Amino acid sequence: MSRTAPDDRATTAATPRRPHLALRPLWLCRVCAAPWPCPVARLTLRQEYAHDRVGLSVYLCAVLHEAAADLYRLNPYDGPDPAALFTRFLGWARPRDAR
């Protein structure tokens, strides 16, 4: 299964799907090990905040701040690239142009 494909395994009430949450301080997905927010987490967040785009942006800004601090503590000399972190956490959440 690719990292970009959602988890298609059949689930029942006894075996619910595991949420794609961040494994801190590495900020990798606990389920698929992709950099968090992974594609499934992004889809879930878009669904949860479907009617509150500002709320999604505020949440992602807070998470970005926490991730930058955690990742910098792990590697203070080479630290996380601010532009890459911005794209990873916020770049996907903005609405697309309706051109």
N, C-alpha and C. Protein backbone atom coordinates (compact mmCIF):
# COMPACT_ATOMS: atom_id res chain seq x y z
N MET A 1 0.85 -1.18 0.00
CA MET A 1 0.00 0.00 0.00
C MET A 1 0.90 1.24 0.00
N SER A 2 0.58 2.21 -0.83
CA SER A 2 1.38 3.42 -0.89
C SER A 2 1.06 4.33 0.29
N ARG A 3 1.94 5.25 0.57
CA ARG A 3 1.74 6.17 1.68
C ARG A 3 0.63 7.17 1.41
N THR A 4 0.33 7.40 0.15
CA THR A 4 -0.68 8.39 -0.17
C THR A 4 -2.08 7.80 -0.21
N ALA A 5 -2.19 6.49 -0.28
CA ALA A 5 -3.52 5.87 -0.34
C ALA A 5 -4.10 5.71 1.05
N PRO A 6 -5.38 6.00 1.22
CA PRO A 6 -5.99 5.80 2.53
C PRO A 6 -6.03 4.31 2.88
N ASP A 7 -6.17 4.06 4.14
CA ASP A 7 -6.22 2.69 4.64
C ASP A 7 -7.55 2.07 4.22
N ASP A 8 -7.52 1.14 3.27
CA ASP A 8 -8.74 0.56 2.71
C ASP A 8 -9.18 -0.73 3.39
N ARG A 9 -8.48 -1.13 4.43
CA ARG A 9 -8.86 -2.37 5.09
C ARG A 9 -10.26 -2.26 5.66
N ALA A 10 -11.01 -3.35 5.55
CA ALA A 10 -12.37 -3.37 6.08
C ALA A 10 -12.32 -3.27 7.60
N THR A 11 -13.25 -2.50 8.15
CA THR A 11 -13.30 -2.35 9.59
C THR A 11 -14.67 -2.74 10.08
N THR A 12 -14.70 -3.19 11.30
CA THR A 12 -15.96 -3.52 11.95
C THR A 12 -16.00 -2.77 13.26
N ALA A 13 -17.10 -2.90 13.97
CA ALA A 13 -17.21 -2.22 15.26
C ALA A 13 -16.13 -2.70 16.23
N ALA A 14 -15.70 -3.95 16.09
CA ALA A 14 -14.68 -4.50 16.98
C ALA A 14 -13.28 -4.00 16.62
N THR A 15 -13.05 -3.63 15.35
CA THR A 15 -11.73 -3.17 14.93
C THR A 15 -11.85 -1.83 14.21
N PRO A 16 -12.00 -0.75 14.97
CA PRO A 16 -12.13 0.55 14.32
C PRO A 16 -10.80 0.98 13.69
N ARG A 17 -10.88 1.89 12.72
CA ARG A 17 -9.67 2.42 12.10
C ARG A 17 -8.91 3.25 13.11
N ARG A 18 -7.61 3.17 13.04
CA ARG A 18 -6.77 3.97 13.92
C ARG A 18 -6.64 5.36 13.33
N PRO A 19 -6.78 6.39 14.14
CA PRO A 19 -6.63 7.75 13.62
C PRO A 19 -5.18 8.04 13.25
N HIS A 20 -4.99 8.80 12.22
CA HIS A 20 -3.66 9.18 11.76
C HIS A 20 -3.21 10.41 12.55
N LEU A 21 -2.64 10.16 13.72
CA LEU A 21 -2.19 11.21 14.62
C LEU A 21 -0.67 11.32 14.58
N ALA A 22 -0.17 12.45 15.05
CA ALA A 22 1.27 12.69 15.04
C ALA A 22 1.97 11.95 16.17
N LEU A 23 3.12 11.39 15.85
CA LEU A 23 4.01 10.79 16.83
C LEU A 23 5.04 11.86 17.19
N ARG A 24 4.88 12.42 18.37
CA ARG A 24 5.77 13.49 18.79
C ARG A 24 6.96 12.92 19.54
N PRO A 25 8.12 13.48 19.44
CA PRO A 25 8.50 14.75 18.83
C PRO A 25 8.96 14.64 17.38
N LEU A 26 8.82 13.45 16.78
CA LEU A 26 9.27 13.26 15.40
C LEU A 26 8.32 13.84 14.37
N TRP A 27 7.07 14.00 14.72
CA TRP A 27 6.03 14.50 13.84
C TRP A 27 5.88 13.63 12.59
N LEU A 28 5.81 12.33 12.85
CA LEU A 28 5.49 11.34 11.83
C LEU A 28 4.13 10.76 12.19
N CYS A 29 3.41 10.26 11.19
CA CYS A 29 2.11 9.65 11.42
C CYS A 29 2.28 8.34 12.18
N ARG A 30 1.46 8.13 13.20
CA ARG A 30 1.54 6.90 14.00
C ARG A 30 1.12 5.66 13.20
N VAL A 31 0.33 5.84 12.15
CA VAL A 31 -0.20 4.71 11.40
C VAL A 31 0.65 4.41 10.16
N CYS A 32 0.92 5.42 9.35
CA CYS A 32 1.59 5.17 8.07
C CYS A 32 3.05 5.65 8.03
N ALA A 33 3.52 6.31 9.09
CA ALA A 33 4.90 6.78 9.21
C ALA A 33 5.29 7.87 8.22
N ALA A 34 4.32 8.46 7.54
CA ALA A 34 4.59 9.59 6.65
C ALA A 34 4.73 10.86 7.50
N PRO A 35 5.39 11.89 6.99
CA PRO A 35 5.44 13.14 7.74
C PRO A 35 4.02 13.64 8.03
N TRP A 36 3.76 13.98 9.29
CA TRP A 36 2.43 14.42 9.67
C TRP A 36 2.28 15.90 9.41
N PRO A 37 1.16 16.36 8.88
CA PRO A 37 -0.06 15.64 8.55
C PRO A 37 0.07 14.86 7.25
N CYS A 38 -0.15 13.58 7.36
CA CYS A 38 -0.10 12.69 6.19
C CYS A 38 -1.35 12.92 5.34
N PRO A 39 -1.43 12.38 4.15
CA PRO A 39 -2.60 12.59 3.30
C PRO A 39 -3.93 12.21 3.96
N VAL A 40 -3.95 11.13 4.73
CA VAL A 40 -5.20 10.73 5.39
C VAL A 40 -5.55 11.72 6.48
N ALA A 41 -4.56 12.19 7.24
CA ALA A 41 -4.81 13.19 8.28
C ALA A 41 -5.31 14.49 7.66
N ARG A 42 -4.74 14.88 6.52
CA ARG A 42 -5.19 16.10 5.85
C ARG A 42 -6.66 15.98 5.42
N LEU A 43 -7.00 14.84 4.86
CA LEU A 43 -8.38 14.61 4.45
C LEU A 43 -9.32 14.66 5.65
N THR A 44 -8.92 14.02 6.73
CA THR A 44 -9.74 14.01 7.95
C THR A 44 -9.91 15.42 8.49
N LEU A 45 -8.82 16.19 8.53
CA LEU A 45 -8.91 17.56 9.02
C LEU A 45 -9.80 18.42 8.14
N ARG A 46 -9.69 18.25 6.83
CA ARG A 46 -10.58 19.01 5.93
C ARG A 46 -12.04 18.68 6.17
N GLN A 47 -12.32 17.41 6.45
CA GLN A 47 -13.71 17.02 6.73
C GLN A 47 -14.17 17.60 8.07
N GLU A 48 -13.32 17.52 9.09
CA GLU A 48 -13.68 18.02 10.41
C GLU A 48 -13.90 19.53 10.41
N TYR A 49 -13.11 20.26 9.63
CA TYR A 49 -13.19 21.72 9.58
C TYR A 49 -13.82 22.21 8.28
N ALA A 50 -14.69 21.43 7.70
CA ALA A 50 -15.28 21.78 6.41
C ALA A 50 -15.98 23.13 6.43
N HIS A 51 -16.59 23.47 7.54
CA HIS A 51 -17.33 24.74 7.63
C HIS A 51 -16.60 25.77 8.48
N ASP A 52 -15.32 25.55 8.75
CA ASP A 52 -14.56 26.47 9.58
C ASP A 52 -13.11 26.52 9.11
N ARG A 53 -12.89 27.13 7.94
CA ARG A 53 -11.54 27.21 7.37
C ARG A 53 -10.61 28.03 8.26
N VAL A 54 -11.13 29.06 8.90
CA VAL A 54 -10.30 29.87 9.79
C VAL A 54 -9.86 29.03 10.99
N GLY A 55 -10.79 28.25 11.53
CA GLY A 55 -10.46 27.36 12.65
C GLY A 55 -9.38 26.36 12.27
N LEU A 56 -9.45 25.82 11.06
CA LEU A 56 -8.43 24.89 10.58
C LEU A 56 -7.08 25.59 10.51
N SER A 57 -7.06 26.80 9.99
CA SER A 57 -5.80 27.54 9.89
C SER A 57 -5.21 27.85 11.27
N VAL A 58 -6.05 28.23 12.21
CA VAL A 58 -5.58 28.52 13.57
C VAL A 58 -5.01 27.25 14.20
N TYR A 59 -5.74 26.14 14.05
CA TYR A 59 -5.26 24.86 14.60
C TYR A 59 -3.91 24.48 13.99
N LEU A 60 -3.80 24.59 12.67
CA LEU A 60 -2.56 24.20 12.00
C LEU A 60 -1.40 25.12 12.37
N CYS A 61 -1.67 26.40 12.60
CA CYS A 61 -0.62 27.32 13.05
C CYS A 61 -0.10 26.92 14.43
N ALA A 62 -1.02 26.54 15.32
CA ALA A 62 -0.61 26.10 16.66
C ALA A 62 0.22 24.83 16.58
N VAL A 63 -0.20 23.88 15.74
CA VAL A 63 0.53 22.63 15.59
C VAL A 63 1.89 22.89 14.93
N LEU A 64 1.94 23.79 13.97
CA LEU A 64 3.20 24.16 13.33
C LEU A 64 4.18 24.70 14.36
N HIS A 65 3.70 25.55 15.26
CA HIS A 65 4.55 26.12 16.30
C HIS A 65 5.12 25.01 17.20
N GLU A 66 4.27 24.07 17.60
CA GLU A 66 4.72 22.96 18.44
C GLU A 66 5.73 22.08 17.69
N ALA A 67 5.45 21.80 16.43
CA ALA A 67 6.33 20.95 15.63
C ALA A 67 7.70 21.61 15.44
N ALA A 68 7.71 22.92 15.16
CA ALA A 68 8.98 23.62 14.98
C ALA A 68 9.82 23.54 16.25
N ALA A 69 9.18 23.71 17.40
CA ALA A 69 9.92 23.63 18.67
C ALA A 69 10.45 22.22 18.90
N ASP A 70 9.61 21.21 18.69
CA ASP A 70 10.05 19.82 18.88
C ASP A 70 11.18 19.45 17.94
N LEU A 71 11.03 19.77 16.66
CA LEU A 71 12.03 19.40 15.67
C LEU A 71 13.34 20.15 15.88
N TYR A 72 13.24 21.39 16.34
CA TYR A 72 14.46 22.15 16.62
C TYR A 72 15.20 21.55 17.82
N ARG A 73 14.44 21.10 18.84
CA ARG A 73 15.07 20.46 20.01
C ARG A 73 15.77 19.16 19.60
N LEU A 74 15.21 18.44 18.65
CA LEU A 74 15.83 17.19 18.20
C LEU A 74 17.12 17.44 17.42
N ASN A 75 17.17 18.55 16.67
CA ASN A 75 18.32 18.83 15.82
C ASN A 75 18.57 20.34 15.80
N PRO A 76 19.17 20.88 16.87
CA PRO A 76 19.32 22.33 16.95
C PRO A 76 20.32 22.93 15.96
N TYR A 77 21.22 22.13 15.44
CA TYR A 77 22.24 22.69 14.56
C TYR A 77 21.74 22.85 13.13
N ASP A 78 21.01 21.88 12.63
CA ASP A 78 20.48 21.97 11.28
C ASP A 78 19.01 22.35 11.27
N GLY A 79 18.37 22.38 12.41
CA GLY A 79 16.98 22.80 12.57
C GLY A 79 16.06 22.57 11.38
N PRO A 80 14.78 22.62 11.60
CA PRO A 80 13.83 22.44 10.49
C PRO A 80 13.82 23.67 9.58
N ASP A 81 13.62 23.44 8.30
CA ASP A 81 13.53 24.52 7.32
C ASP A 81 12.17 25.20 7.47
N PRO A 82 12.13 26.49 7.80
CA PRO A 82 10.85 27.17 8.02
C PRO A 82 9.91 27.11 6.82
N ALA A 83 10.44 27.26 5.62
CA ALA A 83 9.58 27.23 4.43
C ALA A 83 8.98 25.84 4.22
N ALA A 84 9.78 24.82 4.44
CA ALA A 84 9.28 23.45 4.28
C ALA A 84 8.23 23.13 5.33
N LEU A 85 8.43 23.59 6.57
CA LEU A 85 7.42 23.37 7.61
C LEU A 85 6.12 24.09 7.29
N PHE A 86 6.23 25.31 6.80
CA PHE A 86 5.03 26.07 6.43
C PHE A 86 4.24 25.32 5.36
N THR A 87 4.92 24.85 4.35
CA THR A 87 4.25 24.12 3.27
C THR A 87 3.64 22.83 3.80
N ARG A 88 4.37 22.13 4.64
CA ARG A 88 3.90 20.85 5.18
C ARG A 88 2.65 21.02 6.03
N PHE A 89 2.60 22.05 6.86
CA PHE A 89 1.49 22.21 7.79
C PHE A 89 0.38 23.11 7.27
N LEU A 90 0.70 24.13 6.48
CA LEU A 90 -0.32 25.10 6.08
C LEU A 90 -0.54 25.20 4.58
N GLY A 91 0.44 24.86 3.78
CA GLY A 91 0.35 25.06 2.34
C GLY A 91 -0.80 24.31 1.69
N TRP A 92 -1.17 23.17 2.21
CA TRP A 92 -2.22 22.34 1.63
C TRP A 92 -3.62 22.79 2.07
N ALA A 93 -3.71 23.57 3.12
CA ALA A 93 -5.01 23.88 3.72
C ALA A 93 -5.71 25.08 3.09
N ARG A 94 -4.98 25.88 2.37
CA ARG A 94 -5.62 27.07 1.80
C ARG A 94 -6.55 26.66 0.65
N PRO A 95 -7.63 27.42 0.48
CA PRO A 95 -8.56 27.09 -0.61
C PRO A 95 -7.92 27.30 -1.97
N ARG A 96 -8.28 26.49 -2.90
CA ARG A 96 -7.76 26.61 -4.26
C ARG A 96 -8.45 27.77 -4.97
N ASP A 97 -7.72 28.39 -5.90
CA ASP A 97 -8.30 29.48 -6.70
C ASP A 97 -9.42 28.95 -7.56
N ALA A 98 -10.49 29.70 -7.67
CA ALA A 98 -11.65 29.28 -8.48
C ALA A 98 -11.57 29.91 -9.86
N ARG A 99 -10.46 29.74 -10.52
CA ARG A 99 -10.29 30.34 -11.86
C ARG A 99 -10.89 29.48 -12.92
